[in-house]
Protein backbone atom coordinates (compact mmCIF):
# COMPACT_ATOMS: atom_id res chain seq x y z
CA MET A 1 117.01 -283.40 -86.06
CA THR A 2 116.10 -281.68 -89.30
CA ARG A 3 113.59 -283.19 -91.80
CA GLU A 4 116.57 -284.02 -94.16
CA ALA A 5 118.46 -285.77 -91.14
CA ARG A 6 115.13 -287.55 -90.21
CA GLN A 7 114.87 -288.90 -93.80
CA GLU A 8 118.53 -289.99 -93.78
CA ALA A 9 117.99 -291.78 -90.53
CA LEU A 10 114.95 -293.65 -91.88
CA GLU A 11 117.00 -294.71 -94.93
CA ARG A 12 119.90 -295.75 -92.71
CA HIS A 13 117.53 -297.90 -90.60
CA GLY A 14 115.85 -299.30 -93.62
CA LEU A 15 112.45 -297.83 -93.03
CA VAL A 16 109.92 -296.06 -95.23
CA GLU A 17 107.21 -293.93 -93.79
CA SER A 18 103.76 -293.69 -95.06
CA GLY A 19 100.36 -292.55 -93.68
CA ASP A 20 99.95 -296.05 -92.31
CA GLY A 21 103.21 -296.00 -90.40
CA PHE A 22 106.54 -297.60 -91.16
CA THR A 23 107.51 -300.33 -93.50
CA VAL A 24 110.76 -302.17 -93.31
CA THR A 25 112.78 -302.55 -96.44
CA LEU A 26 115.11 -305.41 -97.37
CA LYS A 27 118.05 -303.31 -96.06
CA GLY A 28 116.18 -302.85 -92.74
CA PHE A 29 115.30 -306.55 -92.63
CA GLN A 30 119.04 -307.39 -93.07
CA LYS A 31 120.07 -304.89 -90.40
CA ALA A 32 117.41 -306.16 -87.99
CA ALA A 33 118.67 -309.74 -88.48
CA GLU A 34 122.15 -308.62 -87.48
CA ARG A 35 120.83 -306.87 -84.43
CA ALA A 36 118.64 -309.99 -83.54
CA ARG A 37 121.77 -312.15 -83.74
CA GLY A 38 123.50 -309.92 -81.21
CA LEU A 39 120.38 -310.16 -79.03
CA ARG A 40 120.31 -313.88 -79.32
CA ALA A 41 123.99 -314.06 -78.31
CA GLN A 42 123.08 -312.04 -75.10
CA GLY A 43 120.42 -314.68 -74.37
CA ASN A 44 117.28 -312.98 -75.67
CA GLN A 45 114.82 -315.77 -76.33
CA GLU A 46 112.45 -313.64 -78.51
CA ALA A 47 115.37 -312.96 -80.93
CA ALA A 48 116.30 -316.62 -81.01
CA LEU A 49 112.68 -317.65 -81.83
CA MET A 50 112.39 -315.01 -84.53
CA LEU A 51 115.68 -316.06 -86.16
CA ALA A 52 114.45 -319.67 -86.25
CA LEU A 53 111.57 -318.66 -88.48
CA GLU A 54 111.97 -318.72 -92.26
CA PRO A 55 113.08 -315.41 -93.74
CA SER A 56 109.84 -315.22 -95.72
CA ASP A 57 107.73 -315.52 -92.50
CA PRO A 58 105.56 -312.39 -92.03
CA VAL A 59 106.13 -312.72 -88.30
CA ARG A 60 109.88 -312.43 -88.70
CA TRP A 61 109.41 -309.33 -91.03
CA GLU A 62 107.13 -307.80 -88.36
CA TYR A 63 109.86 -308.46 -85.68
CA ALA A 64 112.47 -306.78 -87.96
CA ARG A 65 110.14 -303.76 -88.45
CA CYS A 66 109.76 -303.39 -84.81
CA LEU A 67 113.51 -303.64 -84.18
CA GLN A 68 114.24 -301.03 -86.78
CA ILE A 69 111.49 -298.71 -85.49
CA ASP A 70 113.04 -299.01 -82.03
CA THR A 71 116.56 -298.09 -83.27
CA PHE A 72 115.21 -295.17 -85.39
CA SER A 73 113.11 -293.91 -82.42
CA THR A 74 116.05 -294.04 -80.05
CA GLU A 75 118.26 -292.04 -82.52
CA ALA A 76 115.34 -289.44 -83.01
CA TYR A 77 114.80 -289.13 -79.37
CA GLU A 78 118.48 -288.63 -78.57
CA SER A 79 118.71 -285.94 -81.28
CA GLY A 80 115.79 -284.09 -79.94
CA PHE A 81 113.49 -284.51 -82.94
């Protein structure tokens, strides 16, 4: 994965990278909510609990950030970056 491809993947997953780590964007939050709904449908209790929280809850945002970091990391690993 080239640096350009890495940046595109970050944007695709709704993440911004800084010296402190990753921050999830609104786009990333929305994508994470979609993923969490799929996980909830598969019986994932953690996803169900997180979706029950208000969208403004910082814990829900942190869960979304973790979901998006996971999907980005998987893509980066599979590409050999």
